Protein backbone atom coordinates (compact mmCIF):
# COMPACT_ATOMS: atom_id res chain seq x y z
CA MET A 1 0.03 0.01 -0.02
CA ARG A 2 1.34 3.43 -0.93
CA ILE A 3 0.17 6.46 0.96
CA LYS A 4 0.93 9.90 -0.28
CA THR A 5 0.61 12.75 2.21
CA LYS A 6 0.97 16.37 1.38
CA LEU A 7 1.25 19.24 3.80
CA LEU A 8 1.02 22.76 2.52
CA ILE A 9 2.06 25.73 4.67
CA PHE A 10 1.19 29.30 3.79
CA ALA A 11 2.85 32.12 5.66
CA SER A 12 1.13 35.24 4.46
CA LEU A 13 2.91 38.47 5.16
CA CYS A 14 0.97 41.60 5.96
CA THR A 15 1.81 45.12 7.02
CA VAL A 16 0.06 47.47 9.39
CA LEU A 17 0.71 51.15 9.02
CA GLY A 18 2.17 52.63 12.16
CA GLN A 19 0.33 55.87 12.67
CA PRO A 20 0.83 57.25 16.15
CA VAL A 21 -0.64 60.68 16.72
CA TYR A 22 2.73 62.48 16.41
CA ALA A 23 4.14 60.69 13.33
CA GLY A 24 3.40 59.60 9.86
CA ILE A 25 5.96 56.80 9.50
CA SER A 26 4.80 54.12 7.07
CA ILE A 27 5.70 50.50 6.43
CA THR A 28 5.14 48.21 3.47
CA LEU A 29 6.05 44.58 3.06
CA THR A 30 6.35 42.80 -0.24
CA GLY A 31 6.58 38.99 -0.39
CA ASN A 32 4.97 35.70 0.40
CA TRP A 33 6.12 32.22 1.32
CA ASN A 34 4.39 28.91 0.47
CA LYS A 35 6.03 25.66 1.44
CA THR A 36 4.70 22.27 0.35
CA ILE A 37 5.89 19.34 2.52
CA ASP A 38 5.72 15.97 0.76
CA ALA A 39 7.60 12.67 0.41
CA SER A 40 10.68 14.49 -0.75
CA ASP A 41 10.92 16.01 2.75
CA LEU A 42 11.30 12.64 4.52
CA GLN A 43 14.58 12.28 6.42
CA SER A 44 15.50 8.88 5.02
CA GLY A 45 12.79 7.85 2.64
CA ALA A 46 9.62 5.77 3.26
CA GLY A 47 8.96 5.05 6.91
CA SER A 48 11.16 7.82 8.27
CA ASN A 49 10.08 11.08 9.92
CA LEU A 50 9.92 14.43 8.12
CA ILE A 51 12.64 17.01 8.21
CA SER A 52 11.61 19.12 11.16
CA SER A 53 12.41 22.63 9.97
CA HIS A 54 12.22 24.48 6.66
CA GLU A 55 13.50 27.91 5.68
CA SER A 56 12.33 30.33 3.05
CA ALA A 57 14.80 32.11 0.80
CA SER A 58 16.78 34.77 2.68
CA ASN A 59 14.86 37.44 0.70
CA ALA A 60 11.35 35.91 0.86
CA ALA A 61 10.03 39.32 1.66
CA PHE A 62 11.31 42.85 2.05
CA ILE A 63 10.21 45.74 4.19
CA ASP A 64 10.28 49.43 3.36
CA ILE A 65 10.09 52.11 6.14
CA PHE A 66 9.29 55.58 4.80
CA ASP A 67 7.79 59.00 5.61
CA THR A 68 10.10 59.57 8.53
CA THR A 69 11.23 63.03 9.38
CA GLY A 70 14.91 62.14 8.76
CA THR A 71 17.78 60.16 10.18
CA SER A 72 16.99 61.27 13.77
CA ASP A 73 13.43 59.90 13.56
CA ASN A 74 13.65 56.57 15.51
CA TRP A 75 11.23 53.62 14.98
CA ARG A 76 10.72 49.99 15.88
CA VAL A 77 9.14 47.21 13.86
CA ASP A 78 6.93 44.86 15.87
CA VAL A 79 5.76 41.45 14.65
CA LYS A 80 2.93 39.07 15.52
CA LYS A 81 0.92 36.40 13.75
CA ILE A 82 -2.75 35.55 13.52
CA ASP A 83 -3.45 31.94 12.60
CA THR A 84 -6.02 31.03 10.03
CA SER A 85 -5.43 27.29 10.31
CA TRP A 86 -2.29 26.34 12.24
CA HIS A 87 -1.16 23.17 14.00
CA SER A 88 -0.11 23.65 17.63
CA SER A 89 3.15 21.65 17.00
CA LEU A 90 4.35 24.15 14.34
CA HIS A 91 6.40 27.19 15.18
CA LEU A 92 7.14 30.08 12.85
CA ASP A 93 10.36 32.14 13.14
CA VAL A 94 11.39 35.31 11.40
CA LYS A 95 14.73 37.17 11.01
CA ARG A 96 16.07 40.15 9.20
CA THR A 97 18.76 39.13 6.63
CA SER A 98 19.83 42.55 5.35
CA ASP A 99 20.07 46.18 6.43
CA GLY A 100 18.40 47.30 3.26
CA THR A 101 19.39 50.75 2.07
CA GLY A 102 18.77 54.29 3.23
CA SER A 103 20.19 57.12 5.25
CA GLY A 104 19.27 55.94 8.71
CA ALA A 105 20.50 53.18 10.95
CA ILE A 106 19.11 49.68 11.64
CA SER A 107 19.75 47.12 14.37
CA GLY A 108 18.45 43.89 15.87
CA GLY A 109 16.36 41.13 14.32
CA SER A 110 19.34 39.31 12.74
CA VAL A 111 18.70 36.05 14.55
CA TYR A 112 15.56 33.97 14.30
CA GLN A 113 12.85 34.72 16.80
CA GLU A 114 9.52 32.92 17.12
CA VAL A 115 6.46 34.87 15.99
CA THR A 116 3.57 34.56 18.42
CA GLY A 117 0.12 36.02 18.72
CA THR A 118 1.40 38.93 20.73
CA ASP A 119 3.21 41.99 19.30
CA GLN A 120 6.91 41.80 20.03
CA SER A 121 9.86 43.87 18.98
CA PHE A 122 11.52 42.58 15.81
CA PHE A 123 14.14 45.24 14.90
CA SER A 124 14.63 49.02 15.17
CA GLY A 125 16.17 51.84 13.22
CA SER A 126 15.97 55.44 12.17
CA GLY A 127 15.22 57.35 9.02
CA ASP A 128 13.85 55.89 5.77
CA ARG A 129 15.04 52.37 4.91
CA SER A 130 14.09 50.26 1.95
CA SER A 131 14.51 46.70 0.84
CA ILE A 132 15.13 45.24 4.30
CA ASP A 133 15.15 41.45 3.57
CA VAL A 134 13.18 39.03 5.77
CA GLN A 135 13.51 35.24 6.05
CA LEU A 136 11.06 32.75 7.61
CA LYS A 137 11.41 29.35 9.11
CA VAL A 138 8.82 26.81 10.16
CA ARG A 139 9.80 24.31 12.88
CA GLY A 140 8.09 21.31 14.48
CA MET A 141 7.27 19.35 11.30
CA SER A 142 6.83 15.61 11.83
CA VAL A 143 4.65 12.74 10.63
CA GLN A 144 2.56 13.40 13.73
CA VAL A 145 1.33 16.65 12.14
CA SER A 146 -1.78 15.72 10.16
CA PRO A 147 -1.58 16.41 6.44
CA ASN A 148 -3.48 19.58 5.82
CA THR A 149 -3.10 23.19 4.59
CA TYR A 150 -1.81 25.33 7.46
CA SER A 151 -1.94 29.07 7.14
CA THR A 152 -0.97 32.05 9.28
CA THR A 153 -0.56 35.74 8.60
CA ILE A 154 2.34 37.77 9.99
CA TYR A 155 1.68 41.41 10.83
CA TYR A 156 4.54 43.94 10.87
CA THR A 157 3.84 47.22 12.61
CA VAL A 158 6.11 50.26 12.68
CA VAL A 159 6.08 52.23 15.90
CA ASP A 160 7.57 55.72 16.13
CA THR A 161 9.88 55.78 19.19
CA PHE A 162 10.75 59.47 18.72
């Protein structure tokens, strides 16, 4: 008997404009990551477990921060996820893989951190920055995770920190 299982993971990427009363800093994100897990992801062929983690390309998405008042205008990017259909054994991580370009500074976010349902600081910077690359990783994959389509949306919010 041959059983074919297929697991499809969608990690949608979304932006939320940060619009505190005192600032007009904006954020956009461009990109998307879909990963299909199938027999080719078995550790050692039929009867073995699945490879437990999978990474997107290092530039699966990129973030632009704009409409700052200049290089002294400090900001922070927060990240959280809202699951559409997500298995409790799966964990989604995000990291910044480039500084992008621009006149301001950027720091933090260069190592993977788990994205949860609560806003958490991802990285910070100042001034306008463009093409900041983002990479994703899903962990916890195993044959115990039922074949299905799992989907979550990641929200990136820019916060003016003055």
